[in-house]
Structures are given as C-alpha cells and as structure tokens.
C-alpha cells in the first residue's frame, strides 16, 4: 500500500495487490457493493436490462405495459412463499396469487399463455437476480 500526499493535506491511499475488476468490462471496482457483486453499477444495469428484455419476449406490448404499471403502482406484493406474489387486479377490487409460470386470475386460468401478472413476477425476479 502506498500513501501519496496531494496538495494541501489530502492523503490518497492506493492498493497495488488486491484490486477487484468488473467481470463484464474489466474496470477497477471501488464501491464495496460493486466489489461484492463483481460488477460496476453501469454493467449491472446493462445486465439487468438484458435479463428483463429476455423475460418480456413472447408477450404483447400491452401486457408488458400493464406489467410495468403493476410494478410501478406497487400492486405486486411478495408472500411468504418464494417466487409467489399477491397481485392486485386492474380495477383494484380483487387480488390474485401470481407466480412466474401461472396466475389464478381469470385470464391466467382460461388462457394457455401467461397473463401480465405472471409477466410482472418474471420482471421482478429477473431484476432481483441480475
């Protein structure tokens, strides 16, 4: 470790042995949170955006917008079961249990494709794990 005096009284400490680098771009990581994750803030945001874009594939634009609105309005509440959320209906008068694979809303029960509640769960889970 070396110490360097910079005018007038600032001491800069630098380490030459154990530096951590971003696993994506190779830049030096300075934040303890970034060092723990292995990625810098920008790279982590890019990885999260790519994971969310992958999750949204196969859904309509309307479903993606409704899912984002549900998340923004805090209409998705985690339950004690991992991966299961309580989702508020569009009208706000009912709640449904939603998982990334299925939902017990009317659209989720009658359709072969996943509803926007399930998409909202997938987006939340992708953003947490990325």
C-alpha atoms as a PDB file:
ATOM      1  CA  UNK A   1       0.000   0.000   0.000  1.00  0.00           C
ATOM      2  CA  UNK A   2       1.320   3.414  -0.893  1.00  0.00           C
ATOM      3  CA  UNK A   3       0.348   6.786   0.509  1.00  0.00           C
ATOM      4  CA  UNK A   4       0.631   9.919  -1.527  1.00  0.00           C
ATOM      5  CA  UNK A   5       0.300  13.485  -0.256  1.00  0.00           C
ATOM      6  CA  UNK A   6      -1.696  15.743  -2.556  1.00  0.00           C
ATOM      7  CA  UNK A   7      -1.762  19.485  -2.007  1.00  0.00           C
ATOM      8  CA  UNK A   8      -2.582  20.762   0.619  1.00  0.00           C
ATOM      9  CA  UNK A   9      -3.457  17.974   3.090  1.00  0.00           C
ATOM     10  CA  UNK A  10      -5.262  15.190   1.233  1.00  0.00           C
ATOM     11  CA  UNK A  11      -3.783  11.750   1.597  1.00  0.00           C
ATOM     12  CA  UNK A  12      -4.624   9.248  -1.128  1.00  0.00           C
ATOM     13  CA  UNK A  13      -4.222   5.580  -0.290  1.00  0.00           C
ATOM     14  CA  UNK A  14      -3.950   3.049  -3.080  1.00  0.00           C
ATOM     15  CA  UNK A  15      -3.537  -0.689  -3.077  1.00  0.00           C
ATOM     16  CA  UNK A  16      -1.472  -2.451  -5.652  1.00  0.00           C
ATOM     17  CA  UNK A  17      -2.093  -6.061  -4.622  1.00  0.00           C
ATOM     18  CA  UNK A  18      -5.785  -6.889  -4.280  1.00  0.00           C
ATOM     19  CA  UNK A  19      -7.744  -4.834  -6.769  1.00  0.00           C
ATOM     20  CA  UNK A  20     -11.124  -6.002  -7.960  1.00  0.00           C
ATOM     21  CA  UNK A  21     -12.221  -5.619 -11.543  1.00  0.00           C
ATOM     22  CA  UNK A  22     -15.649  -5.725 -13.156  1.00  0.00           C
ATOM     23  CA  UNK A  23     -16.374  -9.178 -14.542  1.00  0.00           C
ATOM     24  CA  UNK A  24     -18.008  -7.627 -17.613  1.00  0.00           C
ATOM     25  CA  UNK A  25     -15.811  -4.693 -18.699  1.00  0.00           C
ATOM     26  CA  UNK A  26     -12.674  -5.110 -16.593  1.00  0.00           C
ATOM     27  CA  UNK A  27     -12.735  -1.665 -14.975  1.00  0.00           C
ATOM     28  CA  UNK A  28     -11.447  -1.268 -11.432  1.00  0.00           C
ATOM     29  CA  UNK A  29     -14.216  -1.514  -8.830  1.00  0.00           C
ATOM     30  CA  UNK A  30     -14.149   0.944  -5.942  1.00  0.00           C
ATOM     31  CA  UNK A  31     -17.539   0.587  -4.240  1.00  0.00           C
ATOM     32  CA  UNK A  32     -17.810  -2.170  -1.661  1.00  0.00           C
ATOM     33  CA  UNK A  33     -21.225  -3.139  -3.059  1.00  0.00           C
ATOM     34  CA  UNK A  34     -19.776  -3.387  -6.574  1.00  0.00           C
ATOM     35  CA  UNK A  35     -16.836  -5.442  -5.322  1.00  0.00           C
ATOM     36  CA  UNK A  36     -19.255  -7.821  -3.575  1.00  0.00           C
ATOM     37  CA  UNK A  37     -21.376  -8.221  -6.724  1.00  0.00           C
ATOM     38  CA  UNK A  38     -18.435  -8.377  -9.108  1.00  0.00           C
ATOM     39  CA  UNK A  39     -19.924  -5.770 -11.453  1.00  0.00           C
ATOM     40  CA  UNK A  40     -19.882  -1.993 -11.600  1.00  0.00           C
ATOM     41  CA  UNK A  41     -23.114  -0.007 -11.469  1.00  0.00           C
ATOM     42  CA  UNK A  42     -23.363   0.549 -15.239  1.00  0.00           C
ATOM     43  CA  UNK A  43     -22.567  -3.039 -16.125  1.00  0.00           C
ATOM     44  CA  UNK A  44     -25.035  -4.333 -13.559  1.00  0.00           C
ATOM     45  CA  UNK A  45     -27.731  -2.056 -15.037  1.00  0.00           C
ATOM     46  CA  UNK A  46     -26.962  -3.356 -18.534  1.00  0.00           C
ATOM     47  CA  UNK A  47     -27.118  -6.970 -17.336  1.00  0.00           C
ATOM     48  CA  UNK A  48     -30.426  -6.297 -15.566  1.00  0.00           C
ATOM     49  CA  UNK A  49     -31.883  -4.630 -18.690  1.00  0.00           C
ATOM     50  CA  UNK A  50     -30.829  -7.578 -20.850  1.00  0.00           C
ATOM     51  CA  UNK A  51     -32.402 -10.031 -18.395  1.00  0.00           C
ATOM     52  CA  UNK A  52     -35.669  -8.076 -18.369  1.00  0.00           C
ATOM     53  CA  UNK A  53     -35.687  -7.834 -22.188  1.00  0.00           C
ATOM     54  CA  UNK A  54     -35.294 -11.621 -22.366  1.00  0.00           C
ATOM     55  CA  UNK A  55     -38.174 -12.150 -19.935  1.00  0.00           C
ATOM     56  CA  UNK A  56     -40.551  -9.884 -21.885  1.00  0.00           C
ATOM     57  CA  UNK A  57     -40.098 -11.845 -25.138  1.00  0.00           C
ATOM     58  CA  UNK A  58     -43.267 -13.612 -26.199  1.00  0.00           C
ATOM     59  CA  UNK A  59     -45.631 -11.140 -24.510  1.00  0.00           C
ATOM     60  CA  UNK A  60     -47.608  -8.402 -26.213  1.00  0.00           C
ATOM     61  CA  UNK A  61     -46.756  -4.734 -25.805  1.00  0.00           C
ATOM     62  CA  UNK A  62     -49.990  -4.203 -23.873  1.00  0.00           C
ATOM     63  CA  UNK A  63     -49.108  -6.994 -21.430  1.00  0.00           C
ATOM     64  CA  UNK A  64     -45.634  -5.532 -20.895  1.00  0.00           C
ATOM     65  CA  UNK A  65     -47.078  -2.059 -20.245  1.00  0.00           C
ATOM     66  CA  UNK A  66     -49.665  -3.426 -17.805  1.00  0.00           C
ATOM     67  CA  UNK A  67     -46.968  -5.435 -16.013  1.00  0.00           C
ATOM     68  CA  UNK A  68     -44.735  -2.366 -15.688  1.00  0.00           C
ATOM     69  CA  UNK A  69     -47.689  -0.319 -14.433  1.00  0.00           C
ATOM     70  CA  UNK A  70     -48.483  -3.016 -11.870  1.00  0.00           C
ATOM     71  CA  UNK A  71     -44.902  -2.914 -10.589  1.00  0.00           C
ATOM     72  CA  UNK A  72     -44.768   0.906 -10.594  1.00  0.00           C
ATOM     73  CA  UNK A  73     -48.060   1.134  -8.672  1.00  0.00           C
ATOM     74  CA  UNK A  74     -46.773  -1.330  -6.043  1.00  0.00           C
ATOM     75  CA  UNK A  75     -49.535  -3.754  -6.985  1.00  0.00           C
ATOM     76  CA  UNK A  76     -47.260  -6.766  -6.618  1.00  0.00           C
ATOM     77  CA  UNK A  77     -46.638  -7.829  -3.028  1.00  0.00           C
ATOM     78  CA  UNK A  78     -44.368 -10.764  -2.106  1.00  0.00           C
ATOM     79  CA  UNK A  79     -45.838 -13.527   0.028  1.00  0.00           C
ATOM     80  CA  UNK A  80     -44.075 -15.815   2.479  1.00  0.00           C
ATOM     81  CA  UNK A  81     -43.642 -18.382  -0.306  1.00  0.00           C
ATOM     82  CA  UNK A  82     -40.598 -17.840  -2.528  1.00  0.00           C
ATOM     83  CA  UNK A  83     -41.492 -16.684  -6.040  1.00  0.00           C
ATOM     84  CA  UNK A  84     -45.195 -16.200  -5.211  1.00  0.00           C
ATOM     85  CA  UNK A  85     -46.681 -12.713  -5.164  1.00  0.00           C
ATOM     86  CA  UNK A  86     -50.076 -11.221  -4.423  1.00  0.00           C
ATOM     87  CA  UNK A  87     -51.156  -9.173  -7.471  1.00  0.00           C
ATOM     88  CA  UNK A  88     -53.861  -6.519  -7.491  1.00  0.00           C
ATOM     89  CA  UNK A  89     -56.432  -6.638 -10.305  1.00  0.00           C
ATOM     90  CA  UNK A  90     -56.736  -3.874 -12.903  1.00  0.00           C
ATOM     91  CA  UNK A  91     -59.837  -2.468 -11.220  1.00  0.00           C
ATOM     92  CA  UNK A  92     -58.283  -2.770  -7.773  1.00  0.00           C
ATOM     93  CA  UNK A  93     -61.171  -4.748  -6.311  1.00  0.00           C
ATOM     94  CA  UNK A  94     -59.538  -8.200  -6.215  1.00  0.00           C
ATOM     95  CA  UNK A  95     -56.159  -9.820  -5.651  1.00  0.00           C
ATOM     96  CA  UNK A  96     -54.647 -12.907  -7.241  1.00  0.00           C
ATOM     97  CA  UNK A  97     -51.770 -15.214  -6.441  1.00  0.00           C
ATOM     98  CA  UNK A  98     -49.181 -14.904  -9.181  1.00  0.00           C
ATOM     99  CA  UNK A  99     -46.086 -16.951  -9.938  1.00  0.00           C
ATOM    100  CA  UNK A 100     -43.729 -16.668 -12.894  1.00  0.00           C
ATOM    101  CA  UNK A 101     -45.428 -19.672 -14.520  1.00  0.00           C
ATOM    102  CA  UNK A 102     -49.083 -19.143 -13.623  1.00  0.00           C
ATOM    103  CA  UNK A 103     -51.659 -16.916 -12.012  1.00  0.00           C
ATOM    104  CA  UNK A 104     -55.141 -17.557 -10.628  1.00  0.00           C
ATOM    105  CA  UNK A 105     -56.706 -14.531 -12.323  1.00  0.00           C
ATOM    106  CA  UNK A 106     -59.455 -15.245 -14.891  1.00  0.00           C
ATOM    107  CA  UNK A 107     -57.090 -14.675 -17.843  1.00  0.00           C
ATOM    108  CA  UNK A 108     -54.421 -16.868 -16.288  1.00  0.00           C
ATOM    109  CA  UNK A 109     -56.885 -19.690 -15.650  1.00  0.00           C
ATOM    110  CA  UNK A 110     -58.536 -19.747 -19.076  1.00  0.00           C
ATOM    111  CA  UNK A 111     -55.584 -18.919 -21.310  1.00  0.00           C
ATOM    112  CA  UNK A 112     -52.714 -21.117 -22.394  1.00  0.00           C
ATOM    113  CA  UNK A 113     -50.358 -18.155 -22.318  1.00  0.00           C
ATOM    114  CA  UNK A 114     -49.249 -16.362 -19.179  1.00  0.00           C
ATOM    115  CA  UNK A 115     -51.084 -13.225 -18.054  1.00  0.00           C
ATOM    116  CA  UNK A 116     -49.489  -9.872 -17.289  1.00  0.00           C
ATOM    117  CA  UNK A 117     -49.441 -10.667 -13.552  1.00  0.00           C
ATOM    118  CA  UNK A 118     -47.054 -13.540 -14.287  1.00  0.00           C
ATOM    119  CA  UNK A 119     -45.015 -11.258 -16.531  1.00  0.00           C
ATOM    120  CA  UNK A 120     -44.743  -8.735 -13.693  1.00  0.00           C
ATOM    121  CA  UNK A 121     -43.444 -11.505 -11.424  1.00  0.00           C
ATOM    122  CA  UNK A 122     -40.900 -12.525 -14.085  1.00  0.00           C
ATOM    123  CA  UNK A 123     -39.701  -8.924 -14.423  1.00  0.00           C
ATOM    124  CA  UNK A 124     -39.310  -8.524 -10.665  1.00  0.00           C
ATOM    125  CA  UNK A 125     -37.489 -11.840 -10.319  1.00  0.00           C
ATOM    126  CA  UNK A 126     -35.177 -11.016 -13.256  1.00  0.00           C
ATOM    127  CA  UNK A 127     -34.307  -7.616 -11.837  1.00  0.00           C
ATOM    128  CA  UNK A 128     -33.559  -9.087  -8.412  1.00  0.00           C
ATOM    129  CA  UNK A 129     -31.323 -11.897  -9.661  1.00  0.00           C
ATOM    130  CA  UNK A 130     -29.481  -9.838 -12.264  1.00  0.00           C
END
